[in-house]
Amino acid sequence: MKASYQKYLLNFKRPSGTSRGVMNVKETWFLVLELDGKKGIGECGILRGLSADDRPDYEEKIQWTCQNIHLGKDQLWEALIEFPSIQFGVEMAFQSLASETPFLLFSSAFTEGKKNMVINGLVWMGEAAFMKQQIEEKLAQGFHCIKLKIGAIDFQKELDLLHFIRQNFDADTIEIRVDANGAFDESDALDKLNQLSGYKLHSIEQPIPKNHTDSMAELCKTTPIPIALDEELIGVFSYAEKEALLIKIKPQYIILKPSFVGGFRGTKEWIDLAKKHQIGWWITSALESNIGLNAIAQWTFLQQNSMPQGLGTGGLYTNNFDCPLEVKNGQLSYNPNLDWKVELNDF
C-alpha cells in the first residue's frame, strides 16, 4: 500500500467570525491511499488555536503516518491518539479505499437519496445588520433550527437579534441554538444565561472557556437553558477521561466533531458514554471540505439521531469540491444522480 498527502487551503467566501476571531482560510490535508490500482481519500483538517492537534509537528505526523501506513487502521488509530484529525483522516481513507467508489463510504437510504437529515442553519458573527440578514436568509431557506454564534458583539445587540426572531417566530416554529464558543466570563455567565432564557432557546454551547470544570459543573446544575459541551471535549483522549468528565460536569448535551474527537471511533465512544449517562448529543462538522463533510454525513445518518445535526457548512468556500450533497428546506440530502467533480488523480 502506498500513502501520500497534500495540503489544501479552503478560502472562505466571506470572512467568518467567531468569538475567537475571524477566519479567511481553513487548512486541510488530504491523505491518499493506493492499493492494486485503487485509491482512497481521507481528510485531516485542523482549526488553528482550537484543535488539540494544532501543533508544530502536525505535518511531520502526517508524513510519519504515510511512512507507517502498513500498520493498518486500528494500530494507527492508537498511535495517533493525540492527533484526532489524522485519526479521522486515516479511518476515512481506509474506508474510502475499501468502498466500491471512493466517495460512497457508507451505503444507506441516505446515499440512495431516499431519506434526508435535518440540519441547523448556521448564522455567523458580525455586525447586527449582517447577522439579521443571515437569519432572514436561513428562515427563507426553510430552516426550522438555526444556530447563532454569540459572544463577539455587544451582548444587548445579541439579545435584540433573538428578540427579532421571537417577535416573528415562536419556539414551535423555529428552534434556536446559540454557541458562545467559551466567550462568557465565569463571574456573570449565569446572569447572561438567565437573560437568554427569556427567548426559549434550545441550548447554549460552551458558555464559558474549557478547563473550568468546577464552574461548568455548577452552571450545568443551575442553568435555565440546557448546556452543550463542545470545546470541553477537545484533548480528552482516553475512555476513562471522557467518562470522568461527563460524570463531573453532567451536561445536558455534548456536540461531537469527528475531526476533533478521534474520528468515527472516538465519536462512537462519546456517543456510548452519553447514552449511558442520559446525555443528549448531536454531530457537527468542523468546517471540512465537502470530501470530509460527505464522510461525516454518511456516517452520521447511520447513528439514527433525529435531532438537527450541524452539517450545513458545505457552501462556505470558493474552492470547495462539487459533490452530491444538497441543502434544501433545512435538510441535507444526497443526490445519487449528481457526480463528484473531483478526480483522485488530482491529489
C-alpha atoms as a PDB file:
ATOM      1  CA  MET A   1       0.000   0.000   0.000  1.00  0.00           C
ATOM      2  CA  LYS A   2       1.207   3.480  -0.894  1.00  0.00           C
ATOM      3  CA  ALA A   3       0.228   6.610   1.049  1.00  0.00           C
ATOM      4  CA  SER A   4       0.735  10.267   0.211  1.00  0.00           C
ATOM      5  CA  TYR A   5      -0.675  13.577   1.395  1.00  0.00           C
ATOM      6  CA  GLN A   6      -1.344  17.041   0.055  1.00  0.00           C
ATOM      7  CA  LYS A   7      -2.090  20.307   1.838  1.00  0.00           C
ATOM      8  CA  TYR A   8      -5.081  22.305   0.624  1.00  0.00           C
ATOM      9  CA  LEU A   9      -6.252  25.766   1.644  1.00  0.00           C
ATOM     10  CA  LEU A  10     -10.014  26.370   1.632  1.00  0.00           C
ATOM     11  CA  ASN A  11     -10.928  30.011   1.027  1.00  0.00           C
ATOM     12  CA  PHE A  12     -13.996  31.415   2.781  1.00  0.00           C
ATOM     13  CA  LYS A  13     -16.461  33.234   0.528  1.00  0.00           C
ATOM     14  CA  ARG A  14     -16.521  35.927   3.169  1.00  0.00           C
ATOM     15  CA  PRO A  15     -14.561  36.180   6.437  1.00  0.00           C
ATOM     16  CA  SER A  16     -16.299  34.050   9.070  1.00  0.00           C
ATOM     17  CA  GLY A  17     -16.360  35.288  12.655  1.00  0.00           C
ATOM     18  CA  THR A  18     -16.421  33.518  15.994  1.00  0.00           C
ATOM     19  CA  SER A  19     -15.637  34.847  19.456  1.00  0.00           C
ATOM     20  CA  ARG A  20     -12.045  33.720  18.840  1.00  0.00           C
ATOM     21  CA  GLY A  21     -11.612  35.906  15.788  1.00  0.00           C
ATOM     22  CA  VAL A  22     -12.216  35.973  12.047  1.00  0.00           C
ATOM     23  CA  MET A  23     -11.187  33.227   9.616  1.00  0.00           C
ATOM     24  CA  ASN A  24     -10.330  33.824   5.968  1.00  0.00           C
ATOM     25  CA  VAL A  25      -8.827  30.430   5.137  1.00  0.00           C
ATOM     26  CA  LYS A  26      -9.107  26.921   6.524  1.00  0.00           C
ATOM     27  CA  GLU A  27      -6.185  24.499   6.307  1.00  0.00           C
ATOM     28  CA  THR A  28      -6.773  20.887   5.475  1.00  0.00           C
ATOM     29  CA  TRP A  29      -4.650  17.928   4.368  1.00  0.00           C
ATOM     30  CA  PHE A  30      -5.778  15.096   2.121  1.00  0.00           C
ATOM     31  CA  LEU A  31      -4.404  11.628   2.782  1.00  0.00           C
ATOM     32  CA  VAL A  32      -4.473   9.386  -0.305  1.00  0.00           C
ATOM     33  CA  LEU A  33      -4.034   5.597  -0.174  1.00  0.00           C
ATOM     34  CA  GLU A  34      -3.271   3.481  -3.209  1.00  0.00           C
ATOM     35  CA  LEU A  35      -3.501  -0.318  -3.488  1.00  0.00           C
ATOM     36  CA  ASP A  36      -3.850  -2.559  -6.550  1.00  0.00           C
ATOM     37  CA  GLY A  37      -4.797   0.343  -8.797  1.00  0.00           C
ATOM     38  CA  LYS A  38      -7.489   1.629  -6.397  1.00  0.00           C
ATOM     39  CA  LYS A  39      -7.373   4.876  -4.443  1.00  0.00           C
ATOM     40  CA  GLY A  40      -8.961   6.061  -1.205  1.00  0.00           C
ATOM     41  CA  ILE A  41      -9.012   9.559   0.269  1.00  0.00           C
ATOM     42  CA  GLY A  42      -9.281  10.926   3.804  1.00  0.00           C
ATOM     43  CA  GLU A  43      -9.364  14.480   5.099  1.00  0.00           C
ATOM     44  CA  CYS A  44      -7.282  15.703   8.040  1.00  0.00           C
ATOM     45  CA  GLY A  45      -8.408  19.201   8.962  1.00  0.00           C
ATOM     46  CA  ILE A  46      -7.496  21.394  11.915  1.00  0.00           C
ATOM     47  CA  LEU A  47      -8.723  24.727  13.195  1.00  0.00           C
ATOM     48  CA  ARG A  48      -5.807  26.853  14.334  1.00  0.00           C
ATOM     49  CA  GLY A  49      -5.931  27.744  18.010  1.00  0.00           C
ATOM     50  CA  LEU A  50      -8.673  25.211  18.713  1.00  0.00           C
ATOM     51  CA  SER A  51      -7.807  21.683  17.583  1.00  0.00           C
ATOM     52  CA  ALA A  52      -5.933  19.534  20.101  1.00  0.00           C
ATOM     53  CA  ASP A  53      -3.500  18.653  17.321  1.00  0.00           C
ATOM     54  CA  ASP A  54      -2.712  22.237  16.308  1.00  0.00           C
ATOM     55  CA  ARG A  55       0.975  21.547  16.953  1.00  0.00           C
ATOM     56  CA  PRO A  56       4.251  22.423  15.203  1.00  0.00           C
ATOM     57  CA  ASP A  57       4.826  18.727  14.397  1.00  0.00           C
ATOM     58  CA  TYR A  58       1.424  18.238  12.706  1.00  0.00           C
ATOM     59  CA  GLU A  59       2.673  17.859   9.127  1.00  0.00           C
ATOM     60  CA  GLU A  60       5.557  15.745  10.371  1.00  0.00           C
ATOM     61  CA  LYS A  61       2.975  13.394  11.926  1.00  0.00           C
ATOM     62  CA  ILE A  62       1.102  13.099   8.620  1.00  0.00           C
ATOM     63  CA  GLN A  63       4.432  12.202   6.954  1.00  0.00           C
ATOM     64  CA  TRP A  64       5.029   9.582   9.672  1.00  0.00           C
ATOM     65  CA  THR A  65       1.527   8.212   9.074  1.00  0.00           C
ATOM     66  CA  CYS A  66       2.217   7.827   5.346  1.00  0.00           C
ATOM     67  CA  GLN A  67       5.516   6.071   6.092  1.00  0.00           C
ATOM     68  CA  ASN A  68       3.793   3.694   8.536  1.00  0.00           C
ATOM     69  CA  ILE A  69       0.541   3.094   6.681  1.00  0.00           C
ATOM     70  CA  HIS A  70       1.350  -0.663   6.687  1.00  0.00           C
ATOM     71  CA  LEU A  71       0.420  -0.693  10.399  1.00  0.00           C
ATOM     72  CA  GLY A  72      -3.236  -0.566   9.371  1.00  0.00           C
ATOM     73  CA  LYS A  73      -6.194   1.490  10.533  1.00  0.00           C
ATOM     74  CA  ASP A  74      -6.550   0.202  14.115  1.00  0.00           C
ATOM     75  CA  GLN A  75      -2.886   0.315  15.095  1.00  0.00           C
ATOM     76  CA  LEU A  76      -2.512   3.762  13.550  1.00  0.00           C
ATOM     77  CA  TRP A  77      -5.581   4.995  15.440  1.00  0.00           C
ATOM     78  CA  GLU A  78      -3.904   4.023  18.729  1.00  0.00           C
ATOM     79  CA  ALA A  79      -0.571   5.550  17.699  1.00  0.00           C
ATOM     80  CA  LEU A  80      -2.256   8.810  16.664  1.00  0.00           C
ATOM     81  CA  ILE A  81      -4.246   9.275  19.896  1.00  0.00           C
ATOM     82  CA  GLU A  82      -3.042  12.890  20.303  1.00  0.00           C
ATOM     83  CA  PHE A  83      -3.841  13.703  16.655  1.00  0.00           C
ATOM     84  CA  PRO A  84      -7.611  13.259  16.369  1.00  0.00           C
ATOM     85  CA  SER A  85      -7.929  14.873  12.940  1.00  0.00           C
ATOM     86  CA  ILE A  86      -5.311  12.490  11.499  1.00  0.00           C
ATOM     87  CA  GLN A  87      -7.144   9.582  13.171  1.00  0.00           C
ATOM     88  CA  PHE A  88     -10.232  10.715  11.277  1.00  0.00           C
ATOM     89  CA  GLY A  89      -8.343  11.083   8.001  1.00  0.00           C
ATOM     90  CA  VAL A  90      -6.860   7.582   8.349  1.00  0.00           C
ATOM     91  CA  GLU A  91     -10.227   5.965   9.160  1.00  0.00           C
ATOM     92  CA  MET A  92     -11.855   7.780   6.270  1.00  0.00           C
ATOM     93  CA  ALA A  93      -9.086   6.908   3.794  1.00  0.00           C
ATOM     94  CA  PHE A  94      -9.182   3.200   4.657  1.00  0.00           C
ATOM     95  CA  GLN A  95     -12.992   3.165   4.387  1.00  0.00           C
ATOM     96  CA  SER A  96     -12.770   5.019   1.071  1.00  0.00           C
ATOM     97  CA  LEU A  97     -10.217   2.519  -0.268  1.00  0.00           C
ATOM     98  CA  ALA A  98     -12.379  -0.445   0.776  1.00  0.00           C
ATOM     99  CA  SER A  99     -15.518   1.022  -0.821  1.00  0.00           C
ATOM    100  CA  GLU A 100     -16.765   0.376  -4.335  1.00  0.00           C
ATOM    101  CA  THR A 101     -16.260   4.043  -5.189  1.00  0.00           C
ATOM    102  CA  PRO A 102     -14.015   6.377  -3.144  1.00  0.00           C
ATOM    103  CA  PHE A 103     -16.780   8.769  -2.061  1.00  0.00           C
ATOM    104  CA  LEU A 104     -19.532   6.268  -1.220  1.00  0.00           C
ATOM    105  CA  LEU A 105     -18.238   5.184   2.177  1.00  0.00           C
ATOM    106  CA  PHE A 106     -21.405   4.015   3.948  1.00  0.00           C
ATOM    107  CA  SER A 107     -24.348   2.892   1.818  1.00  0.00           C
ATOM    108  CA  SER A 108     -27.777   3.666   3.265  1.00  0.00           C
ATOM    109  CA  ALA A 109     -31.196   5.117   2.458  1.00  0.00           C
ATOM    110  CA  PHE A 110     -29.411   8.489   2.730  1.00  0.00           C
ATOM    111  CA  THR A 111     -26.892   7.765  -0.047  1.00  0.00           C
ATOM    112  CA  GLU A 112     -29.692   6.227  -2.134  1.00  0.00           C
ATOM    113  CA  GLY A 113     -31.480   9.589  -1.951  1.00  0.00           C
ATOM    114  CA  LYS A 114     -34.461   8.107  -0.099  1.00  0.00           C
ATOM    115  CA  LYS A 115     -34.001   9.810   3.279  1.00  0.00           C
ATOM    116  CA  ASN A 116     -32.639  13.185   4.361  1.00  0.00           C
ATOM    117  CA  MET A 117     -31.178  14.587   7.580  1.00  0.00           C
ATOM    118  CA  VAL A 118     -32.491  17.674   9.345  1.00  0.00           C
ATOM    119  CA  ILE A 119     -29.689  20.175   9.975  1.00  0.00           C
ATOM    120  CA  ASN A 120     -29.334  23.544  11.662  1.00  0.00           C
ATOM    121  CA  GLY A 121     -28.700  26.724   9.668  1.00  0.00           C
ATOM    122  CA  LEU A 122     -25.526  28.464  10.840  1.00  0.00           C
ATOM    123  CA  VAL A 123     -25.532  32.227  11.437  1.00  0.00           C
ATOM    124  CA  TRP A 124     -22.033  33.708  11.725  1.00  0.00           C
ATOM    125  CA  MET A 125     -20.990  36.532  13.998  1.00  0.00           C
ATOM    126  CA  GLY A 126     -20.720  40.011  12.602  1.00  0.00           C
ATOM    127  CA  GLU A 127     -22.429  43.363  12.803  1.00  0.00           C
ATOM    128  CA  ALA A 128     -26.055  43.150  13.900  1.00  0.00           C
ATOM    129  CA  ALA A 129     -27.336  44.023  10.387  1.00  0.00           C
ATOM    130  CA  PHE A 130     -25.272  41.217   8.819  1.00  0.00           C
ATOM    131  CA  MET A 131     -26.486  38.694  11.401  1.00  0.00           C
ATOM    132  CA  LYS A 132     -30.097  39.805  10.882  1.00  0.00           C
ATOM    133  CA  GLN A 133     -29.660  39.370   7.117  1.00  0.00           C
ATOM    134  CA  GLN A 134     -28.311  35.823   7.617  1.00  0.00           C
ATOM    135  CA  ILE A 135     -31.205  34.945   9.937  1.00  0.00           C
ATOM    136  CA  GLU A 136     -33.733  36.111   7.359  1.00  0.00           C
ATOM    137  CA  GLU A 137     -31.960  34.090   4.651  1.00  0.00           C
ATOM    138  CA  LYS A 138     -31.981  30.910   6.753  1.00  0.00           C
ATOM    139  CA  LEU A 139     -35.669  31.291   7.535  1.00  0.00           C
ATOM    140  CA  ALA A 140     -36.434  31.889   3.850  1.00  0.00           C
ATOM    141  CA  GLN A 141     -34.447  28.741   3.003  1.00  0.00           C
ATOM    142  CA  GLY A 142     -36.796  26.654   5.124  1.00  0.00           C
ATOM    143  CA  PHE A 143     -34.640  26.013   8.191  1.00  0.00           C
ATOM    144  CA  HIS A 144     -36.577  25.179  11.341  1.00  0.00           C
ATOM    145  CA  CYS A 145     -33.464  25.165  13.525  1.00  0.00           C
ATOM    146  CA  ILE A 146     -30.880  27.934  13.459  1.00  0.00           C
ATOM    147  CA  LYS A 147     -27.621  28.222  15.330  1.00  0.00           C
ATOM    148  CA  LEU A 148     -26.254  31.669  16.187  1.00  0.00           C
ATOM    149  CA  LYS A 149     -22.666  32.346  17.107  1.00  0.00           C
ATOM    150  CA  ILE A 150     -22.744  34.805  20.014  1.00  0.00           C
ATOM    151  CA  GLY A 151     -20.190  36.397  22.309  1.00  0.00           C
ATOM    152  CA  ALA A 152     -18.300  38.647  19.883  1.00  0.00           C
ATOM    153  CA  ILE A 153     -20.534  41.707  19.616  1.00  0.00           C
ATOM    154  CA  ASP A 154     -22.344  43.685  22.301  1.00  0.00           C
ATOM    155  CA  PHE A 155     -24.489  41.291  24.359  1.00  0.00           C
ATOM    156  CA  GLN A 156     -27.506  43.603  24.231  1.00  0.00           C
ATOM    157  CA  LYS A 157     -27.346  43.583  20.416  1.00  0.00           C
ATOM    158  CA  GLU A 158     -27.366  39.801  20.515  1.00  0.00           C
ATOM    159  CA  LEU A 159     -30.421  39.844  22.778  1.00  0.00           C
ATOM    160  CA  ASP A 160     -32.053  42.233  20.301  1.00  0.00           C
ATOM    161  CA  LEU A 161     -31.426  39.753  17.478  1.00  0.00           C
ATOM    162  CA  LEU A 162     -33.048  36.975  19.489  1.00  0.00           C
ATOM    163  CA  HIS A 163     -35.946  39.303  20.215  1.00  0.00           C
ATOM    164  CA  PHE A 164     -36.288  39.940  16.471  1.00  0.00           C
ATOM    165  CA  ILE A 165     -36.569  36.192  15.797  1.00  0.00           C
ATOM    166  CA  ARG A 166     -39.020  35.545  18.607  1.00  0.00           C
ATOM    167  CA  GLN A 167     -41.200  38.502  17.586  1.00  0.00           C
ATOM    168  CA  ASN A 168     -41.743  36.753  14.275  1.00  0.00           C
ATOM    169  CA  PHE A 169     -41.389  33.051  15.102  1.00  0.00           C
ATOM    170  CA  ASP A 170     -42.284  31.163  18.273  1.00  0.00           C
ATOM    171  CA  ALA A 171     -40.266  28.258  19.676  1.00  0.00           C
ATOM    172  CA  ASP A 172     -42.523  25.694  17.967  1.00  0.00           C
ATOM    173  CA  THR A 173     -41.770  27.239  14.568  1.00  0.00           C
ATOM    174  CA  ILE A 174     -38.048  27.956  14.927  1.00  0.00           C
ATOM    175  CA  GLU A 175     -35.627  26.180  17.267  1.00  0.00           C
ATOM    176  CA  ILE A 176     -32.742  28.442  18.271  1.00  0.00           C
ATOM    177  CA  ARG A 177     -29.366  27.155  19.379  1.00  0.00           C
ATOM    178  CA  VAL A 178     -26.650  29.586  20.413  1.00  0.00           C
ATOM    179  CA  ASP A 179     -22.922  28.965  20.577  1.00  0.00           C
ATOM    180  CA  ALA A 180     -20.816  31.177  22.823  1.00  0.00           C
ATOM    181  CA  ASN A 181     -17.508  29.417  22.000  1.00  0.00           C
ATOM    182  CA  GLY A 182     -16.473  29.952  25.636  1.00  0.00           C
ATOM    183  CA  ALA A 183     -16.910  33.736  25.443  1.00  0.00           C
ATOM    184  CA  PHE A 184     -18.717  34.353  28.763  1.00  0.00           C
ATOM    185  CA  ASP A 185     -16.844  35.184  31.935  1.00  0.00           C
ATOM    186  CA  GLU A 186     -17.421  32.787  34.828  1.00  0.00           C
ATOM    187  CA  SER A 187     -18.475  35.685  37.054  1.00  0.00           C
ATOM    188  CA  ASP A 188     -21.511  36.705  35.002  1.00  0.00           C
ATOM    189  CA  ALA A 189     -22.264  33.609  32.904  1.00  0.00           C
ATOM    190  CA  LEU A 190     -25.331  32.618  34.944  1.00  0.00           C
ATOM    191  CA  ASP A 191     -26.719  36.152  34.709  1.00  0.00           C
ATOM    192  CA  LYS A 192     -26.335  36.022  30.903  1.00  0.00           C
ATOM    193  CA  LEU A 193     -27.960  32.600  30.767  1.00  0.00           C
ATOM    194  CA  ASN A 194     -30.903  33.958  32.748  1.00  0.00           C
ATOM    195  CA  GLN A 195     -31.284  36.835  30.280  1.00  0.00           C
ATOM    196  CA  LEU A 196     -31.054  34.440  27.321  1.00  0.00           C
ATOM    197  CA  SER A 197     -33.660  32.116  28.821  1.00  0.00           C
ATOM    198  CA  GLY A 198     -36.420  34.617  28.024  1.00  0.00           C
ATOM    199  CA  TYR A 199     -36.057  33.710  24.330  1.00  0.00           C
ATOM    200  CA  LYS A 200     -36.906  29.997  24.678  1.00  0.00           C
ATOM    201  CA  LEU A 201     -33.601  28.679  23.367  1.00  0.00           C
ATOM    202  CA  HIS A 202     -32.990  25.009  22.696  1.00  0.00           C
ATOM    203  CA  SER A 203     -29.470  25.107  24.147  1.00  0.00           C
ATOM    204  CA  ILE A 204     -26.243  27.061  24.511  1.00  0.00           C
ATOM    205  CA  GLU A 205     -22.881  25.631  23.510  1.00  0.00           C
ATOM    206  CA  GLN A 206     -19.847  26.153  25.693  1.00  0.00           C
ATOM    207  CA  PRO A 207     -20.887  29.288  27.630  1.00  0.00           C
ATOM    208  CA  ILE A 208     -17.525  29.578  29.452  1.00  0.00           C
ATOM    209  CA  PRO A 209     -13.992  28.556  28.388  1.00  0.00           C
ATOM    210  CA  LYS A 210     -12.954  24.907  28.620  1.00  0.00           C
ATOM    211  CA  ASN A 211     -10.961  23.542  31.567  1.00  0.00           C
ATOM    212  CA  HIS A 212     -13.062  25.395  34.170  1.00  0.00           C
ATOM    213  CA  THR A 213     -14.784  22.154  35.070  1.00  0.00           C
ATOM    214  CA  ASP A 214     -15.922  23.178  38.572  1.00  0.00           C
ATOM    215  CA  SER A 215     -17.635  26.296  37.226  1.00  0.00           C
ATOM    216  CA  MET A 216     -19.085  24.423  34.257  1.00  0.00           C
ATOM    217  CA  ALA A 217     -20.481  21.703  36.522  1.00  0.00           C
ATOM    218  CA  GLU A 218     -22.125  24.361  38.698  1.00  0.00           C
ATOM    219  CA  LEU A 219     -23.554  26.090  35.617  1.00  0.00           C
ATOM    220  CA  CYS A 220     -24.991  22.832  34.287  1.00  0.00           C
ATOM    221  CA  LYS A 221     -26.665  22.279  37.644  1.00  0.00           C
ATOM    222  CA  THR A 222     -28.253  25.754  37.873  1.00  0.00           C
ATOM    223  CA  THR A 223     -28.730  26.804  34.239  1.00  0.00           C
ATOM    224  CA  PRO A 224     -32.184  27.803  32.944  1.00  0.00           C
ATOM    225  CA  ILE A 225     -31.064  26.716  29.413  1.00  0.00           C
ATOM    226  CA  PRO A 226     -29.653  23.280  28.516  1.00  0.00           C
ATOM    227  CA  ILE A 227     -25.865  23.449  28.126  1.00  0.00           C
ATOM    228  CA  ALA A 228     -23.982  21.598  25.396  1.00  0.00           C
ATOM    229  CA  LEU A 229     -20.266  20.890  25.763  1.00  0.00           C
ATOM    230  CA  ASP A 230     -18.181  21.395  22.641  1.00  0.00           C
ATOM    231  CA  GLU A 231     -14.623  22.715  23.139  1.00  0.00           C
ATOM    232  CA  GLU A 232     -14.664  20.992  26.553  1.00  0.00           C
ATOM    233  CA  LEU A 233     -14.300  17.618  24.795  1.00  0.00           C
ATOM    234  CA  ILE A 234     -11.186  18.619  22.829  1.00  0.00           C
ATOM    235  CA  GLY A 235      -7.997  16.966  24.067  1.00  0.00           C
ATOM    236  CA  VAL A 236      -9.806  14.393  26.218  1.00  0.00           C
ATOM    237  CA  PHE A 237      -8.332  11.238  24.724  1.00  0.00           C
ATOM    238  CA  SER A 238      -8.907   8.153  26.877  1.00  0.00           C
ATOM    239  CA  TYR A 239     -12.258   6.466  27.501  1.00  0.00           C
ATOM    240  CA  ALA A 240     -11.775   6.811  31.271  1.00  0.00           C
ATOM    241  CA  GLU A 241     -11.074  10.568  30.986  1.00  0.00           C
ATOM    242  CA  LYS A 242     -14.156  11.025  28.815  1.00  0.00           C
ATOM    243  CA  GLU A 243     -16.401   9.292  31.316  1.00  0.00           C
ATOM    244  CA  ALA A 244     -14.876  11.165  34.266  1.00  0.00           C
ATOM    245  CA  LEU A 245     -15.541  14.495  32.511  1.00  0.00           C
ATOM    246  CA  LEU A 246     -19.200  13.664  31.841  1.00  0.00           C
ATOM    247  CA  ILE A 247     -19.750  12.398  35.386  1.00  0.00           C
ATOM    248  CA  LYS A 248     -18.239  15.564  36.866  1.00  0.00           C
ATOM    249  CA  ILE A 249     -19.909  18.197  34.669  1.00  0.00           C
ATOM    250  CA  LYS A 250     -23.216  16.410  33.925  1.00  0.00           C
ATOM    251  CA  PRO A 251     -24.018  18.458  30.803  1.00  0.00           C
ATOM    252  CA  GLN A 252     -27.413  18.310  29.143  1.00  0.00           C
ATOM    253  CA  TYR A 253     -25.806  17.723  25.710  1.00  0.00           C
ATOM    254  CA  ILE A 254     -22.471  17.069  24.053  1.00  0.00           C
ATOM    255  CA  ILE A 255     -21.555  18.093  20.497  1.00  0.00           C
ATOM    256  CA  LEU A 256     -19.295  15.806  18.546  1.00  0.00           C
ATOM    257  CA  LYS A 257     -16.938  16.828  15.747  1.00  0.00           C
ATOM    258  CA  PRO A 258     -15.152  13.735  14.396  1.00  0.00           C
ATOM    259  CA  SER A 259     -12.071  15.781  13.391  1.00  0.00           C
ATOM    260  CA  PHE A 260     -11.753  16.990  16.986  1.00  0.00           C
ATOM    261  CA  VAL A 261     -12.567  13.831  18.943  1.00  0.00           C
ATOM    262  CA  GLY A 262     -10.775  11.000  17.156  1.00  0.00           C
ATOM    263  CA  GLY A 263     -12.782  10.233  14.069  1.00  0.00           C
ATOM    264  CA  PHE A 264     -15.641   7.756  13.917  1.00  0.00           C
ATOM    265  CA  ARG A 265     -14.237   5.539  16.670  1.00  0.00           C
ATOM    266  CA  GLY A 266     -13.647   8.438  19.058  1.00  0.00           C
ATOM    267  CA  THR A 267     -17.091   9.887  18.304  1.00  0.00           C
ATOM    268  CA  LYS A 268     -18.720   6.495  18.939  1.00  0.00           C
ATOM    269  CA  GLU A 269     -17.019   6.300  22.352  1.00  0.00           C
ATOM    270  CA  TRP A 270     -18.563   9.664  23.302  1.00  0.00           C
ATOM    271  CA  ILE A 271     -21.992   8.580  21.989  1.00  0.00           C
ATOM    272  CA  ASP A 272     -21.898   5.353  24.013  1.00  0.00           C
ATOM    273  CA  LEU A 273     -20.966   7.279  27.161  1.00  0.00           C
ATOM    274  CA  ALA A 274     -23.654   9.911  26.527  1.00  0.00           C
ATOM    275  CA  LYS A 275     -26.295   7.192  26.218  1.00  0.00           C
ATOM    276  CA  LYS A 276     -25.005   5.516  29.382  1.00  0.00           C
ATOM    277  CA  HIS A 277     -25.310   8.763  31.357  1.00  0.00           C
ATOM    278  CA  GLN A 278     -28.560  10.005  29.739  1.00  0.00           C
ATOM    279  CA  ILE A 279     -26.915  12.940  27.978  1.00  0.00           C
ATOM    280  CA  GLY A 280     -28.187  14.162  24.618  1.00  0.00           C
ATOM    281  CA  TRP A 281     -25.808  14.514  21.676  1.00  0.00           C
ATOM    282  CA  TRP A 282     -25.534  15.539  18.069  1.00  0.00           C
ATOM    283  CA  ILE A 283     -22.809  15.579  15.444  1.00  0.00           C
ATOM    284  CA  THR A 284     -21.391  18.539  13.599  1.00  0.00           C
ATOM    285  CA  SER A 285     -18.682  19.095  11.037  1.00  0.00           C
ATOM    286  CA  ALA A 286     -15.601  21.191  11.790  1.00  0.00           C
ATOM    287  CA  LEU A 287     -15.503  23.233   8.587  1.00  0.00           C
ATOM    288  CA  GLU A 288     -14.154  20.367   6.478  1.00  0.00           C
ATOM    289  CA  SER A 289     -14.294  20.465   2.708  1.00  0.00           C
ATOM    290  CA  ASN A 290     -17.128  18.558   1.040  1.00  0.00           C
ATOM    291  CA  ILE A 291     -14.859  15.496   0.975  1.00  0.00           C
ATOM    292  CA  GLY A 292     -14.747  15.295   4.775  1.00  0.00           C
ATOM    293  CA  LEU A 293     -18.317  16.548   5.181  1.00  0.00           C
ATOM    294  CA  ASN A 294     -19.542  13.780   2.875  1.00  0.00           C
ATOM    295  CA  ALA A 295     -17.923  11.094   5.038  1.00  0.00           C
ATOM    296  CA  ILE A 296     -19.261  12.616   8.270  1.00  0.00           C
ATOM    297  CA  ALA A 297     -22.772  12.960   6.836  1.00  0.00           C
ATOM    298  CA  GLN A 298     -22.889   9.364   5.593  1.00  0.00           C
ATOM    299  CA  TRP A 299     -21.682   8.037   8.966  1.00  0.00           C
ATOM    300  CA  THR A 300     -23.954  10.350  10.968  1.00  0.00           C
ATOM    301  CA  PHE A 301     -27.039   9.049   9.162  1.00  0.00           C
ATOM    302  CA  LEU A 302     -26.213   5.541  10.410  1.00  0.00           C
ATOM    303  CA  GLN A 303     -26.262   6.780  14.039  1.00  0.00           C
ATOM    304  CA  GLN A 304     -30.035   7.377  13.765  1.00  0.00           C
ATOM    305  CA  ASN A 305     -30.277  10.618  15.730  1.00  0.00           C
ATOM    306  CA  SER A 306     -33.416  12.547  14.760  1.00  0.00           C
ATOM    307  CA  MET A 307     -32.214  15.888  16.204  1.00  0.00           C
ATOM    308  CA  PRO A 308     -30.981  18.554  13.762  1.00  0.00           C
ATOM    309  CA  GLN A 309     -27.301  17.868  13.081  1.00  0.00           C
ATOM    310  CA  GLY A 310     -24.638  20.503  12.376  1.00  0.00           C
ATOM    311  CA  LEU A 311     -23.716  19.533   8.842  1.00  0.00           C
ATOM    312  CA  GLY A 312     -24.573  22.556   6.730  1.00  0.00           C
ATOM    313  CA  THR A 313     -21.115  24.004   6.076  1.00  0.00           C
ATOM    314  CA  GLY A 314     -20.570  22.844   2.501  1.00  0.00           C
ATOM    315  CA  GLY A 315     -21.295  26.222   0.907  1.00  0.00           C
ATOM    316  CA  LEU A 316     -18.776  28.307   2.839  1.00  0.00           C
ATOM    317  CA  TYR A 317     -15.838  28.170   0.433  1.00  0.00           C
ATOM    318  CA  THR A 318     -14.983  29.496  -3.028  1.00  0.00           C
ATOM    319  CA  ASN A 319     -12.831  26.460  -3.856  1.00  0.00           C
ATOM    320  CA  ASN A 320     -14.776  23.546  -2.401  1.00  0.00           C
ATOM    321  CA  PHE A 321     -15.468  20.354  -4.388  1.00  0.00           C
ATOM    322  CA  ASP A 322     -18.799  19.881  -6.166  1.00  0.00           C
ATOM    323  CA  CYS A 323     -20.498  16.826  -4.735  1.00  0.00           C
ATOM    324  CA  PRO A 324     -23.905  15.093  -4.422  1.00  0.00           C
ATOM    325  CA  LEU A 325     -24.714  16.754  -1.065  1.00  0.00           C
ATOM    326  CA  GLU A 326     -27.557  19.288  -1.280  1.00  0.00           C
ATOM    327  CA  VAL A 327     -29.240  21.506   1.307  1.00  0.00           C
ATOM    328  CA  LYS A 328     -32.965  22.058   0.756  1.00  0.00           C
ATOM    329  CA  ASN A 329     -35.662  23.178   3.190  1.00  0.00           C
ATOM    330  CA  GLY A 330     -33.344  22.861   6.172  1.00  0.00           C
ATOM    331  CA  GLN A 331     -32.368  19.290   5.312  1.00  0.00           C
ATOM    332  CA  LEU A 332     -29.203  17.700   3.994  1.00  0.00           C
ATOM    333  CA  SER A 333     -29.802  15.263   1.163  1.00  0.00           C
ATOM    334  CA  TYR A 334     -27.600  13.105  -1.034  1.00  0.00           C
ATOM    335  CA  ASN A 335     -28.469  13.178  -4.717  1.00  0.00           C
ATOM    336  CA  PRO A 336     -27.170   9.934  -6.269  1.00  0.00           C
ATOM    337  CA  ASN A 337     -27.715  11.412  -9.739  1.00  0.00           C
ATOM    338  CA  LEU A 338     -25.036  14.050  -9.162  1.00  0.00           C
ATOM    339  CA  ASP A 339     -21.386  13.237  -9.742  1.00  0.00           C
ATOM    340  CA  TRP A 340     -18.320  14.351  -7.856  1.00  0.00           C
ATOM    341  CA  LYS A 341     -16.379  16.969  -9.778  1.00  0.00           C
ATOM    342  CA  VAL A 342     -13.061  15.790  -8.431  1.00  0.00           C
ATOM    343  CA  GLU A 343     -10.525  13.219  -9.594  1.00  0.00           C
ATOM    344  CA  LEU A 344      -8.326  11.406  -7.098  1.00  0.00           C
ATOM    345  CA  ASN A 345      -5.534  11.697  -9.626  1.00  0.00           C
ATOM    346  CA  ASP A 346      -5.593  15.430  -8.787  1.00  0.00           C
ATOM    347  CA  PHE A 347      -4.177  14.615  -5.342  1.00  0.00           C
END
